[in-house]
Amino acid sequence: MIVATYARVSTSDKNQNPESQLLALRDYWQAMGWEIFGEYVDQASASDLGHRTRWRDLQDDAAKKKFKGVLVFKLDRAFRSVKHVHDTLAAWELVGISFMSVREQFDTSTALGRLLLNLLAS
């Protein structure tokens, strides 16, 4: 499977480094035997979509079906609210893209993964 990874650190904590997320993401997709399409990295607050330029790039590439899955270190790196989770994943589902998290260990390509995501998002 071809996947894209997304990492985000907040601008409020200057001691954060996205590389710690990226190392875990790389280890995960390599262990799964997946192929990487690209790494998308932002340094911005979750609610600051204006400065999350790489998130917008990921959304554009998802709409173009350039990969089959999006992998994040943990859920809150990608989404700012339950509504944001559901709206984004509904759009991705239409183009056949699943969503996976390393930390929470779910994969929306499975029924159990979708259930777990809904519980965690709430």
PDB file of N, CA and C in Angstrom:
ATOM      1  N   MET A   1       0.847  -1.176   0.000  1.00  0.00           N
ATOM      2  CA  MET A   1       0.000   0.000   0.000  1.00  0.00           C
ATOM      3  C   MET A   1       0.894   1.241   0.000  1.00  0.00           C
ATOM      4  N   ILE A   2       0.474   2.235  -0.730  1.00  0.00           N
ATOM      5  CA  ILE A   2       1.190   3.509  -0.764  1.00  0.00           C
ATOM      6  C   ILE A   2       0.535   4.441   0.250  1.00  0.00           C
ATOM      7  N   VAL A   3       1.355   4.985   1.161  1.00  0.00           N
ATOM      8  CA  VAL A   3       0.837   5.860   2.206  1.00  0.00           C
ATOM      9  C   VAL A   3       1.565   7.201   2.216  1.00  0.00           C
ATOM     10  N   ALA A   4       0.873   8.177   2.784  1.00  0.00           N
ATOM     11  CA  ALA A   4       1.469   9.483   3.070  1.00  0.00           C
ATOM     12  C   ALA A   4       1.512   9.614   4.584  1.00  0.00           C
ATOM     13  N   THR A   5       2.536  10.263   5.093  1.00  0.00           N
ATOM     14  CA  THR A   5       2.600  10.499   6.533  1.00  0.00           C
ATOM     15  C   THR A   5       2.406  11.987   6.803  1.00  0.00           C
ATOM     16  N   TYR A   6       1.808  12.262   7.967  1.00  0.00           N
ATOM     17  CA  TYR A   6       1.604  13.650   8.368  1.00  0.00           C
ATOM     18  C   TYR A   6       2.072  13.819   9.805  1.00  0.00           C
ATOM     19  N   ALA A   7       2.905  14.834  10.021  1.00  0.00           N
ATOM     20  CA  ALA A   7       3.395  15.176  11.356  1.00  0.00           C
ATOM     21  C   ALA A   7       3.150  16.664  11.572  1.00  0.00           C
ATOM     22  N   ARG A   8       2.803  17.014  12.813  1.00  0.00           N
ATOM     23  CA  ARG A   8       2.578  18.415  13.140  1.00  0.00           C
ATOM     24  C   ARG A   8       3.036  18.680  14.556  1.00  0.00           C
ATOM     25  N   VAL A   9       3.714  19.800  14.726  1.00  0.00           N
ATOM     26  CA  VAL A   9       4.057  20.268  16.061  1.00  0.00           C
ATOM     27  C   VAL A   9       3.448  21.652  16.219  1.00  0.00           C
ATOM     28  N   SER A  10       3.103  21.969  17.442  1.00  0.00           N
ATOM     29  CA  SER A  10       2.487  23.250  17.738  1.00  0.00           C
ATOM     30  C   SER A  10       3.536  24.344  17.812  1.00  0.00           C
ATOM     31  N   THR A  11       3.144  25.535  17.429  1.00  0.00           N
ATOM     32  CA  THR A  11       4.065  26.672  17.526  1.00  0.00           C
ATOM     33  C   THR A  11       4.169  27.182  18.955  1.00  0.00           C
ATOM     34  N   SER A  12       3.254  26.759  19.831  1.00  0.00           N
ATOM     35  CA  SER A  12       3.265  27.262  21.209  1.00  0.00           C
ATOM     36  C   SER A  12       4.375  26.632  22.046  1.00  0.00           C
ATOM     37  N   ASP A  13       4.852  25.469  21.646  1.00  0.00           N
ATOM     38  CA  ASP A  13       5.924  24.793  22.380  1.00  0.00           C
ATOM     39  C   ASP A  13       7.125  24.658  21.456  1.00  0.00           C
ATOM     40  N   LYS A  14       8.064  25.556  21.588  1.00  0.00           N
ATOM     41  CA  LYS A  14       9.225  25.589  20.690  1.00  0.00           C
ATOM     42  C   LYS A  14      10.168  24.401  20.876  1.00  0.00           C
ATOM     43  N   ASN A  15       9.985  23.614  21.940  1.00  0.00           N
ATOM     44  CA  ASN A  15      10.857  22.473  22.185  1.00  0.00           C
ATOM     45  C   ASN A  15      10.426  21.227  21.418  1.00  0.00           C
ATOM     46  N   GLN A  16       9.304  21.295  20.724  1.00  0.00           N
ATOM     47  CA  GLN A  16       8.842  20.143  19.966  1.00  0.00           C
ATOM     48  C   GLN A  16       9.621  20.027  18.672  1.00  0.00           C
ATOM     49  N   ASN A  17       9.836  18.795  18.266  1.00  0.00           N
ATOM     50  CA  ASN A  17      10.559  18.533  17.031  1.00  0.00           C
ATOM     51  C   ASN A  17       9.769  17.487  16.241  1.00  0.00           C
ATOM     52  N   PRO A  18       9.360  17.794  15.022  1.00  0.00           N
ATOM     53  CA  PRO A  18       8.580  16.823  14.254  1.00  0.00           C
ATOM     54  C   PRO A  18       9.361  15.556  13.917  1.00  0.00           C
ATOM     55  N   GLU A  19      10.669  15.620  14.006  1.00  0.00           N
ATOM     56  CA  GLU A  19      11.481  14.452  13.664  1.00  0.00           C
ATOM     57  C   GLU A  19      11.172  13.257  14.568  1.00  0.00           C
ATOM     58  N   SER A  20      10.803  13.505  15.821  1.00  0.00           N
ATOM     59  CA  SER A  20      10.466  12.384  16.710  1.00  0.00           C
ATOM     60  C   SER A  20       9.218  11.654  16.202  1.00  0.00           C
ATOM     61  N   GLN A  21       8.258  12.389  15.674  1.00  0.00           N
ATOM     62  CA  GLN A  21       7.085  11.752  15.076  1.00  0.00           C
ATOM     63  C   GLN A  21       7.465  11.038  13.784  1.00  0.00           C
ATOM     64  N   LEU A  22       8.281  11.694  12.970  1.00  0.00           N
ATOM     65  CA  LEU A  22       8.660  11.123  11.682  1.00  0.00           C
ATOM     66  C   LEU A  22       9.432   9.817  11.823  1.00  0.00           C
ATOM     67  N   LEU A  23      10.292   9.733  12.834  1.00  0.00           N
ATOM     68  CA  LEU A  23      11.039   8.484  13.055  1.00  0.00           C
ATOM     69  C   LEU A  23      10.083   7.333  13.355  1.00  0.00           C
ATOM     70  N   ALA A  24       9.100   7.579  14.216  1.00  0.00           N
ATOM     71  CA  ALA A  24       8.117   6.538  14.545  1.00  0.00           C
ATOM     72  C   ALA A  24       7.271   6.174  13.324  1.00  0.00           C
ATOM     73  N   LEU A  25       6.902   7.174  12.538  1.00  0.00           N
ATOM     74  CA  LEU A  25       6.114   6.919  11.328  1.00  0.00           C
ATOM     75  C   LEU A  25       6.905   6.088  10.319  1.00  0.00           C
ATOM     76  N   ARG A  26       8.160   6.432  10.138  1.00  0.00           N
ATOM     77  CA  ARG A  26       9.006   5.672   9.200  1.00  0.00           C
ATOM     78  C   ARG A  26       9.159   4.220   9.642  1.00  0.00           C
ATOM     79  N   ASP A  27       9.428   4.026  10.917  1.00  0.00           N
ATOM     80  CA  ASP A  27       9.556   2.663  11.443  1.00  0.00           C
ATOM     81  C   ASP A  27       8.280   1.864  11.199  1.00  0.00           C
ATOM     82  N   TYR A  28       7.135   2.504  11.409  1.00  0.00           N
ATOM     83  CA  TYR A  28       5.844   1.824  11.281  1.00  0.00           C
ATOM     84  C   TYR A  28       5.573   1.406   9.836  1.00  0.00           C
ATOM     85  N   TRP A  29       5.668   2.356   8.891  1.00  0.00           N
ATOM     86  CA  TRP A  29       5.326   1.987   7.516  1.00  0.00           C
ATOM     87  C   TRP A  29       6.330   1.004   6.933  1.00  0.00           C
ATOM     88  N   GLN A  30       7.582   1.096   7.363  1.00  0.00           N
ATOM     89  CA  GLN A  30       8.569   0.128   6.883  1.00  0.00           C
ATOM     90  C   GLN A  30       8.278  -1.258   7.431  1.00  0.00           C
ATOM     91  N   ALA A  31       7.910  -1.343   8.714  1.00  0.00           N
ATOM     92  CA  ALA A  31       7.572  -2.643   9.318  1.00  0.00           C
ATOM     93  C   ALA A  31       6.349  -3.268   8.663  1.00  0.00           C
ATOM     94  N   MET A  32       5.431  -2.428   8.205  1.00  0.00           N
ATOM     95  CA  MET A  32       4.218  -2.921   7.550  1.00  0.00           C
ATOM     96  C   MET A  32       4.465  -3.293   6.086  1.00  0.00           C
ATOM     97  N   GLY A  33       5.628  -2.930   5.560  1.00  0.00           N
ATOM     98  CA  GLY A  33       5.946  -3.230   4.168  1.00  0.00           C
ATOM     99  C   GLY A  33       5.266  -2.296   3.179  1.00  0.00           C
ATOM    100  N   TRP A  34       4.872  -1.126   3.647  1.00  0.00           N
ATOM    101  CA  TRP A  34       4.209  -0.153   2.792  1.00  0.00           C
ATOM    102  C   TRP A  34       5.228   0.689   2.037  1.00  0.00           C
ATOM    103  N   GLU A  35       4.757   1.327   0.980  1.00  0.00           N
ATOM    104  CA  GLU A  35       5.572   2.265   0.206  1.00  0.00           C
ATOM    105  C   GLU A  35       5.164   3.683   0.617  1.00  0.00           C
ATOM    106  N   ILE A  36       6.123   4.573   0.734  1.00  0.00           N
ATOM    107  CA  ILE A  36       5.827   5.952   1.151  1.00  0.00           C
ATOM    108  C   ILE A  36       5.658   6.839  -0.088  1.00  0.00           C
ATOM    109  N   PHE A  37       4.580   7.593  -0.108  1.00  0.00           N
ATOM    110  CA  PHE A  37       4.382   8.588  -1.162  1.00  0.00           C
ATOM    111  C   PHE A  37       5.108   9.870  -0.796  1.00  0.00           C
ATOM    112  N   GLY A  38       4.946  10.299   0.464  1.00  0.00           N
ATOM    113  CA  GLY A  38       5.584  11.527   0.902  1.00  0.00           C
ATOM    114  C   GLY A  38       5.320  11.813   2.361  1.00  0.00           C
ATOM    115  N   GLU A  39       6.137  12.701   2.915  1.00  0.00           N
ATOM    116  CA  GLU A  39       5.988  13.149   4.297  1.00  0.00           C
ATOM    117  C   GLU A  39       5.516  14.603   4.280  1.00  0.00           C
ATOM    118  N   TYR A  40       4.467  14.868   4.993  1.00  0.00           N
ATOM    119  CA  TYR A  40       3.909  16.215   5.100  1.00  0.00           C
ATOM    120  C   TYR A  40       4.110  16.662   6.543  1.00  0.00           C
ATOM    121  N   VAL A  41       4.730  17.827   6.729  1.00  0.00           N
ATOM    122  CA  VAL A  41       5.067  18.297   8.076  1.00  0.00           C
ATOM    123  C   VAL A  41       4.677  19.761   8.214  1.00  0.00           C
ATOM    124  N   ASP A  42       3.952  20.063   9.303  1.00  0.00           N
ATOM    125  CA  ASP A  42       3.584  21.446   9.620  1.00  0.00           C
ATOM    126  C   ASP A  42       4.061  21.812  11.009  1.00  0.00           C
ATOM    127  N   GLN A  43       4.336  23.097  11.189  1.00  0.00           N
ATOM    128  CA  GLN A  43       4.585  23.636  12.517  1.00  0.00           C
ATOM    129  C   GLN A  43       3.553  24.739  12.724  1.00  0.00           C
ATOM    130  N   ALA A  44       2.428  24.357  13.328  1.00  0.00           N
ATOM    131  CA  ALA A  44       1.309  25.281  13.522  1.00  0.00           C
ATOM    132  C   ALA A  44       0.341  24.668  14.519  1.00  0.00           C
ATOM    133  N   SER A  45      -0.459  25.514  15.121  1.00  0.00           N
ATOM    134  CA  SER A  45      -1.513  25.058  16.015  1.00  0.00           C
ATOM    135  C   SER A  45      -2.511  24.217  15.215  1.00  0.00           C
ATOM    136  N   ALA A  46      -3.146  23.265  15.863  1.00  0.00           N
ATOM    137  CA  ALA A  46      -4.129  22.418  15.186  1.00  0.00           C
ATOM    138  C   ALA A  46      -5.271  23.238  14.604  1.00  0.00           C
ATOM    139  N   SER A  47      -5.651  24.305  15.278  1.00  0.00           N
ATOM    140  CA  SER A  47      -6.782  25.113  14.816  1.00  0.00           C
ATOM    141  C   SER A  47      -6.382  26.152  13.774  1.00  0.00           C
ATOM    142  N   ASP A  48      -5.094  26.308  13.523  1.00  0.00           N
ATOM    143  CA  ASP A  48      -4.603  27.317  12.587  1.00  0.00           C
ATOM    144  C   ASP A  48      -4.435  26.718  11.196  1.00  0.00           C
ATOM    145  N   LEU A  49      -5.556  26.427  10.547  1.00  0.00           N
ATOM    146  CA  LEU A  49      -5.490  25.791   9.229  1.00  0.00           C
ATOM    147  C   LEU A  49      -4.827  26.675   8.181  1.00  0.00           C
ATOM    148  N   GLY A  50      -4.832  27.981   8.392  1.00  0.00           N
ATOM    149  CA  GLY A  50      -4.179  28.890   7.467  1.00  0.00           C
ATOM    150  C   GLY A  50      -2.676  28.673   7.362  1.00  0.00           C
ATOM    151  N   HIS A  51      -2.055  28.256   8.463  1.00  0.00           N
ATOM    152  CA  HIS A  51      -0.615  28.012   8.469  1.00  0.00           C
ATOM    153  C   HIS A  51      -0.260  26.531   8.323  1.00  0.00           C
ATOM    154  N   ARG A  52      -1.264  25.701   8.224  1.00  0.00           N
ATOM    155  CA  ARG A  52      -1.017  24.273   8.017  1.00  0.00           C
ATOM    156  C   ARG A  52      -0.990  23.995   6.511  1.00  0.00           C
ATOM    157  N   THR A  53       0.015  24.554   5.851  1.00  0.00           N
ATOM    158  CA  THR A  53       0.092  24.474   4.393  1.00  0.00           C
ATOM    159  C   THR A  53       0.326  23.050   3.899  1.00  0.00           C
ATOM    160  N   ARG A  54       1.112  22.301   4.618  1.00  0.00           N
ATOM    161  CA  ARG A  54       1.369  20.909   4.193  1.00  0.00           C
ATOM    162  C   ARG A  54       0.130  20.039   4.381  1.00  0.00           C
ATOM    163  N   TRP A  55      -0.713  20.382   5.354  1.00  0.00           N
ATOM    164  CA  TRP A  55      -1.992  19.672   5.528  1.00  0.00           C
ATOM    165  C   TRP A  55      -2.861  19.893   4.289  1.00  0.00           C
ATOM    166  N   ARG A  56      -2.884  21.127   3.800  1.00  0.00           N
ATOM    167  CA  ARG A  56      -3.659  21.427   2.583  1.00  0.00           C
ATOM    168  C   ARG A  56      -3.072  20.672   1.387  1.00  0.00           C
ATOM    169  N   ASP A  57      -1.744  20.594   1.319  1.00  0.00           N
ATOM    170  CA  ASP A  57      -1.113  19.822   0.243  1.00  0.00           C
ATOM    171  C   ASP A  57      -1.519  18.353   0.319  1.00  0.00           C
ATOM    172  N   LEU A  58      -1.537  17.815   1.533  1.00  0.00           N
ATOM    173  CA  LEU A  58      -1.946  16.417   1.720  1.00  0.00           C
ATOM    174  C   LEU A  58      -3.386  16.228   1.259  1.00  0.00           C
ATOM    175  N   GLN A  59      -4.258  17.175   1.616  1.00  0.00           N
ATOM    176  CA  GLN A  59      -5.668  17.097   1.203  1.00  0.00           C
ATOM    177  C   GLN A  59      -5.782  17.124  -0.329  1.00  0.00           C
ATOM    178  N   ASP A  60      -5.026  17.984  -0.965  1.00  0.00           N
ATOM    179  CA  ASP A  60      -5.050  18.073  -2.434  1.00  0.00           C
ATOM    180  C   ASP A  60      -4.575  16.763  -3.066  1.00  0.00           C
ATOM    181  N   ASP A  61      -3.483  16.211  -2.545  1.00  0.00           N
ATOM    182  CA  ASP A  61      -2.965  14.959  -3.089  1.00  0.00           C
ATOM    183  C   ASP A  61      -3.914  13.793  -2.819  1.00  0.00           C
ATOM    184  N   ALA A  62      -4.606  13.831  -1.684  1.00  0.00           N
ATOM    185  CA  ALA A  62      -5.602  12.796  -1.383  1.00  0.00           C
ATOM    186  C   ALA A  62      -6.734  12.853  -2.411  1.00  0.00           C
ATOM    187  N   ALA A  63      -7.199  14.042  -2.727  1.00  0.00           N
ATOM    188  CA  ALA A  63      -8.272  14.201  -3.709  1.00  0.00           C
ATOM    189  C   ALA A  63      -7.844  13.689  -5.088  1.00  0.00           C
ATOM    190  N   LYS A  64      -6.539  13.749  -5.363  1.00  0.00           N
ATOM    191  CA  LYS A  64      -5.994  13.264  -6.637  1.00  0.00           C
ATOM    192  C   LYS A  64      -5.648  11.771  -6.574  1.00  0.00           C
ATOM    193  N   LYS A  65      -5.942  11.125  -5.429  1.00  0.00           N
ATOM    194  CA  LYS A  65      -5.724   9.684  -5.229  1.00  0.00           C
ATOM    195  C   LYS A  65      -4.268   9.276  -5.430  1.00  0.00           C
ATOM    196  N   LYS A  66      -3.361  10.088  -4.903  1.00  0.00           N
ATOM    197  CA  LYS A  66      -1.935   9.801  -5.068  1.00  0.00           C
ATOM    198  C   LYS A  66      -1.433   8.745  -4.085  1.00  0.00           C
ATOM    199  N   PHE A  67      -2.234   8.387  -3.095  1.00  0.00           N
ATOM    200  CA  PHE A  67      -1.880   7.361  -2.109  1.00  0.00           C
ATOM    201  C   PHE A  67      -3.163   6.705  -1.609  1.00  0.00           C
ATOM    202  N   LYS A  68      -3.012   5.611  -0.871  1.00  0.00           N
ATOM    203  CA  LYS A  68      -4.173   4.850  -0.395  1.00  0.00           C
ATOM    204  C   LYS A  68      -4.414   4.989   1.102  1.00  0.00           C
ATOM    205  N   GLY A  69      -3.471   5.603   1.815  1.00  0.00           N
ATOM    206  CA  GLY A  69      -3.634   5.754   3.254  1.00  0.00           C
ATOM    207  C   GLY A  69      -2.847   6.932   3.785  1.00  0.00           C
ATOM    208  N   VAL A  70      -3.326   7.456   4.922  1.00  0.00           N
ATOM    209  CA  VAL A  70      -2.630   8.533   5.625  1.00  0.00           C
ATOM    210  C   VAL A  70      -2.278   8.005   7.011  1.00  0.00           C
ATOM    211  N   LEU A  71      -1.016   8.141   7.380  1.00  0.00           N
ATOM    212  CA  LEU A  71      -0.506   7.654   8.650  1.00  0.00           C
ATOM    213  C   LEU A  71      -0.031   8.830   9.494  1.00  0.00           C
ATOM    214  N   VAL A  72      -0.518   8.890  10.736  1.00  0.00           N
ATOM    215  CA  VAL A  72      -0.089   9.926  11.680  1.00  0.00           C
ATOM    216  C   VAL A  72       0.462   9.259  12.932  1.00  0.00           C
ATOM    217  N   PHE A  73       1.215  10.016  13.708  1.00  0.00           N
ATOM    218  CA  PHE A  73       1.728   9.489  14.964  1.00  0.00           C
ATOM    219  C   PHE A  73       0.603   9.312  15.975  1.00  0.00           C
ATOM    220  N   LYS A  74      -0.250  10.349  16.103  1.00  0.00           N
ATOM    221  CA  LYS A  74      -1.438  10.229  16.938  1.00  0.00           C
ATOM    222  C   LYS A  74      -2.518  11.161  16.414  1.00  0.00           C
ATOM    223  N   LEU A  75      -3.733  10.860  16.767  1.00  0.00           N
ATOM    224  CA  LEU A  75      -4.915  11.507  16.226  1.00  0.00           C
ATOM    225  C   LEU A  75      -4.874  13.028  16.302  1.00  0.00           C
ATOM    226  N   ASP A  76      -4.438  13.575  17.425  1.00  0.00           N
ATOM    227  CA  ASP A  76      -4.486  15.033  17.593  1.00  0.00           C
ATOM    228  C   ASP A  76      -3.454  15.776  16.745  1.00  0.00           C
ATOM    229  N   ARG A  77      -2.551  15.064  16.089  1.00  0.00           N
ATOM    230  CA  ARG A  77      -1.605  15.720  15.182  1.00  0.00           C
ATOM    231  C   ARG A  77      -2.314  16.157  13.906  1.00  0.00           C
ATOM    232  N   ALA A  78      -3.394  15.490  13.549  1.00  0.00           N
ATOM    233  CA  ALA A  78      -4.087  15.793  12.300  1.00  0.00           C
ATOM    234  C   ALA A  78      -5.336  16.645  12.491  1.00  0.00           C
ATOM    235  N   PHE A  79      -6.101  16.387  13.529  1.00  0.00           N
ATOM    236  CA  PHE A  79      -7.432  16.981  13.629  1.00  0.00           C
ATOM    237  C   PHE A  79      -7.587  17.890  14.840  1.00  0.00           C
ATOM    238  N   ARG A  80      -8.505  18.860  14.701  1.00  0.00           N
ATOM    239  CA  ARG A  80      -8.735  19.830  15.763  1.00  0.00           C
ATOM    240  C   ARG A  80     -10.053  19.612  16.491  1.00  0.00           C
ATOM    241  N   SER A  81     -10.965  18.819  15.919  1.00  0.00           N
ATOM    242  CA  SER A  81     -12.272  18.592  16.539  1.00  0.00           C
ATOM    243  C   SER A  81     -12.877  17.300  15.995  1.00  0.00           C
ATOM    244  N   VAL A  82     -13.907  16.828  16.653  1.00  0.00           N
ATOM    245  CA  VAL A  82     -14.614  15.632  16.196  1.00  0.00           C
ATOM    246  C   VAL A  82     -15.210  15.878  14.810  1.00  0.00           C
ATOM    247  N   LYS A  83     -15.766  17.061  14.603  1.00  0.00           N
ATOM    248  CA  LYS A  83     -16.343  17.394  13.292  1.00  0.00           C
ATOM    249  C   LYS A  83     -15.267  17.367  12.203  1.00  0.00           C
ATOM    250  N   HIS A  84     -14.090  17.896  12.517  1.00  0.00           N
ATOM    251  CA  HIS A  84     -12.988  17.895  11.555  1.00  0.00           C
ATOM    252  C   HIS A  84     -12.601  16.457  11.189  1.00  0.00           C
ATOM    253  N   VAL A  85     -12.566  15.571  12.180  1.00  0.00           N
ATOM    254  CA  VAL A  85     -12.267  14.155  11.934  1.00  0.00           C
ATOM    255  C   VAL A  85     -13.279  13.579  10.954  1.00  0.00           C
ATOM    256  N   HIS A  86     -14.551  13.725  11.286  1.00  0.00           N
ATOM    257  CA  HIS A  86     -15.594  13.094  10.477  1.00  0.00           C
ATOM    258  C   HIS A  86     -15.696  13.691   9.075  1.00  0.00           C
ATOM    259  N   ASP A  87     -15.583  15.003   8.950  1.00  0.00           N
ATOM    260  CA  ASP A  87     -15.655  15.628   7.632  1.00  0.00           C
ATOM    261  C   ASP A  87     -14.498  15.190   6.742  1.00  0.00           C
ATOM    262  N   THR A  88     -13.301  15.191   7.297  1.00  0.00           N
ATOM    263  CA  THR A  88     -12.118  14.806   6.515  1.00  0.00           C
ATOM    264  C   THR A  88     -12.169  13.343   6.117  1.00  0.00           C
ATOM    265  N   LEU A  89     -12.487  12.472   7.069  1.00  0.00           N
ATOM    266  CA  LEU A  89     -12.498  11.043   6.758  1.00  0.00           C
ATOM    267  C   LEU A  89     -13.626  10.670   5.809  1.00  0.00           C
ATOM    268  N   ALA A  90     -14.736  11.391   5.865  1.00  0.00           N
ATOM    269  CA  ALA A  90     -15.823  11.152   4.904  1.00  0.00           C
ATOM    270  C   ALA A  90     -15.344  11.478   3.485  1.00  0.00           C
ATOM    271  N   ALA A  91     -14.613  12.586   3.333  1.00  0.00           N
ATOM    272  CA  ALA A  91     -14.077  12.959   2.020  1.00  0.00           C
ATOM    273  C   ALA A  91     -13.055  11.929   1.544  1.00  0.00           C
ATOM    274  N   TRP A  92     -12.195  11.476   2.449  1.00  0.00           N
ATOM    275  CA  TRP A  92     -11.188  10.481   2.074  1.00  0.00           C
ATOM    276  C   TRP A  92     -11.823   9.147   1.721  1.00  0.00           C
ATOM    277  N   GLU A  93     -12.871   8.789   2.417  1.00  0.00           N
ATOM    278  CA  GLU A  93     -13.544   7.516   2.133  1.00  0.00           C
ATOM    279  C   GLU A  93     -14.070   7.498   0.695  1.00  0.00           C
ATOM    280  N   LEU A  94     -14.544   8.638   0.215  1.00  0.00           N
ATOM    281  CA  LEU A  94     -15.063   8.728  -1.149  1.00  0.00           C
ATOM    282  C   LEU A  94     -14.000   8.435  -2.205  1.00  0.00           C
ATOM    283  N   VAL A  95     -12.742   8.701  -1.878  1.00  0.00           N
ATOM    284  CA  VAL A  95     -11.656   8.444  -2.840  1.00  0.00           C
ATOM    285  C   VAL A  95     -10.814   7.223  -2.446  1.00  0.00           C
ATOM    286  N   GLY A  96     -11.298   6.457  -1.467  1.00  0.00           N
ATOM    287  CA  GLY A  96     -10.637   5.194  -1.116  1.00  0.00           C
ATOM    288  C   GLY A  96      -9.392   5.315  -0.278  1.00  0.00           C
ATOM    289  N   ILE A  97      -9.329   6.344   0.573  1.00  0.00           N
ATOM    290  CA  ILE A  97      -8.150   6.535   1.417  1.00  0.00           C
ATOM    291  C   ILE A  97      -8.483   6.193   2.860  1.00  0.00           C
ATOM    292  N   SER A  98      -7.649   5.349   3.456  1.00  0.00           N
ATOM    293  CA  SER A  98      -7.824   4.996   4.860  1.00  0.00           C
ATOM    294  C   SER A  98      -6.919   5.865   5.734  1.00  0.00           C
ATOM    295  N   PHE A  99      -7.194   5.845   7.031  1.00  0.00           N
ATOM    296  CA  PHE A  99      -6.462   6.672   7.991  1.00  0.00           C
ATOM    297  C   PHE A  99      -5.965   5.776   9.109  1.00  0.00           C
ATOM    298  N   MET A 100      -4.689   5.908   9.473  1.00  0.00           N
ATOM    299  CA  MET A 100      -4.080   5.071  10.492  1.00  0.00           C
ATOM    300  C   MET A 100      -3.306   5.926  11.488  1.00  0.00           C
ATOM    301  N   SER A 101      -3.271   5.437  12.726  1.00  0.00           N
ATOM    302  CA  SER A 101      -2.515   6.106  13.779  1.00  0.00           C
ATOM    303  C   SER A 101      -1.560   5.119  14.430  1.00  0.00           C
ATOM    304  N   VAL A 102      -0.326   5.534  14.599  1.00  0.00           N
ATOM    305  CA  VAL A 102       0.675   4.693  15.252  1.00  0.00           C
ATOM    306  C   VAL A 102       0.355   4.550  16.739  1.00  0.00           C
ATOM    307  N   ARG A 103       0.129   5.654  17.418  1.00  0.00           N
ATOM    308  CA  ARG A 103      -0.072   5.637  18.873  1.00  0.00           C
ATOM    309  C   ARG A 103      -1.369   4.930  19.273  1.00  0.00           C
ATOM    310  N   GLU A 104      -2.489   5.290  18.629  1.00  0.00           N
ATOM    311  CA  GLU A 104      -3.778   4.722  19.019  1.00  0.00           C
ATOM    312  C   GLU A 104      -4.058   3.366  18.369  1.00  0.00           C
ATOM    313  N   GLN A 105      -3.222   2.971  17.427  1.00  0.00           N
ATOM    314  CA  GLN A 105      -3.304   1.661  16.775  1.00  0.00           C
ATOM    315  C   GLN A 105      -4.669   1.379  16.142  1.00  0.00           C
ATOM    316  N   PHE A 106      -5.115   2.257  15.267  1.00  0.00           N
ATOM    317  CA  PHE A 106      -6.325   1.965  14.508  1.00  0.00           C
ATOM    318  C   PHE A 106      -6.066   2.194  13.028  1.00  0.00           C
ATOM    319  N   ASP A 107      -6.929   1.571  12.224  1.00  0.00           N
ATOM    320  CA  ASP A 107      -6.844   1.658  10.773  1.00  0.00           C
ATOM    321  C   ASP A 107      -8.276   1.684  10.255  1.00  0.00           C
ATOM    322  N   THR A 108      -8.678   2.775   9.609  1.00  0.00           N
ATOM    323  CA  THR A 108     -10.065   2.915   9.180  1.00  0.00           C
ATOM    324  C   THR A 108     -10.427   2.043   7.980  1.00  0.00           C
ATOM    325  N   SER A 109      -9.485   1.254   7.491  1.00  0.00           N
ATOM    326  CA  SER A 109      -9.830   0.324   6.415  1.00  0.00           C
ATOM    327  C   SER A 109     -10.553  -0.900   6.974  1.00  0.00           C
ATOM    328  N   THR A 110     -10.622  -1.020   8.314  1.00  0.00           N
ATOM    329  CA  THR A 110     -11.339  -2.127   8.949  1.00  0.00           C
ATOM    330  C   THR A 110     -12.518  -1.590   9.768  1.00  0.00           C
ATOM    331  N   ALA A 111     -13.530  -2.433   9.956  1.00  0.00           N
ATOM    332  CA  ALA A 111     -14.704  -2.033  10.745  1.00  0.00           C
ATOM    333  C   ALA A 111     -14.299  -1.727  12.191  1.00  0.00           C
ATOM    334  N   LEU A 112     -13.437  -2.555  12.769  1.00  0.00           N
ATOM    335  CA  LEU A 112     -12.979  -2.318  14.141  1.00  0.00           C
ATOM    336  C   LEU A 112     -12.188  -1.013  14.231  1.00  0.00           C
ATOM    337  N   GLY A 113     -11.391  -0.727  13.238  1.00  0.00           N
ATOM    338  CA  GLY A 113     -10.623   0.516  13.213  1.00  0.00           C
ATOM    339  C   GLY A 113     -11.526   1.736  13.147  1.00  0.00           C
ATOM    340  N   ARG A 114     -12.596   1.664  12.348  1.00  0.00           N
ATOM    341  CA  ARG A 114     -13.545   2.783  12.262  1.00  0.00           C
ATOM    342  C   ARG A 114     -14.260   2.978  13.600  1.00  0.00           C
ATOM    343  N   LEU A 115     -14.624   1.883  14.259  1.00  0.00           N
ATOM    344  CA  LEU A 115     -15.273   1.975  15.573  1.00  0.00           C
ATOM    345  C   LEU A 115     -14.325   2.607  16.588  1.00  0.00           C
ATOM    346  N   LEU A 116     -13.100   2.150  16.641  1.00  0.00           N
ATOM    347  CA  LEU A 116     -12.127   2.685  17.576  1.00  0.00           C
ATOM    348  C   LEU A 116     -11.887   4.178  17.324  1.00  0.00           C
ATOM    349  N   LEU A 117     -11.781   4.563  16.080  1.00  0.00           N
ATOM    350  CA  LEU A 117     -11.591   5.974  15.752  1.00  0.00           C
ATOM    351  C   LEU A 117     -12.764   6.812  16.281  1.00  0.00           C
ATOM    352  N   ASN A 118     -13.973   6.345  16.070  1.00  0.00           N
ATOM    353  CA  ASN A 118     -15.143   7.102  16.548  1.00  0.00           C
ATOM    354  C   ASN A 118     -15.142   7.243  18.063  1.00  0.00           C
ATOM    355  N   LEU A 119     -14.719   6.219  18.769  1.00  0.00           N
ATOM    356  CA  LEU A 119     -14.639   6.302  20.217  1.00  0.00           C
ATOM    357  C   LEU A 119     -13.549   7.297  20.636  1.00  0.00           C
ATOM    358  N   LEU A 120     -12.402   7.227  20.003  1.00  0.00           N
ATOM    359  CA  LEU A 120     -11.299   8.125  20.341  1.00  0.00           C
ATOM    360  C   LEU A 120     -11.602   9.574  19.965  1.00  0.00           C
ATOM    361  N   ALA A 121     -12.258   9.778  18.843  1.00  0.00           N
ATOM    362  CA  ALA A 121     -12.570  11.140  18.392  1.00  0.00           C
ATOM    363  C   ALA A 121     -13.547  11.823  19.336  1.00  0.00           C
ATOM    364  N   SER A 122     -14.420  11.045  19.937  1.00  0.00           N
ATOM    365  CA  SER A 122     -15.407  11.623  20.860  1.00  0.00           C
ATOM    366  C   SER A 122     -14.734  12.047  22.131  1.00  0.00           C
TER     367      SER A 122
END
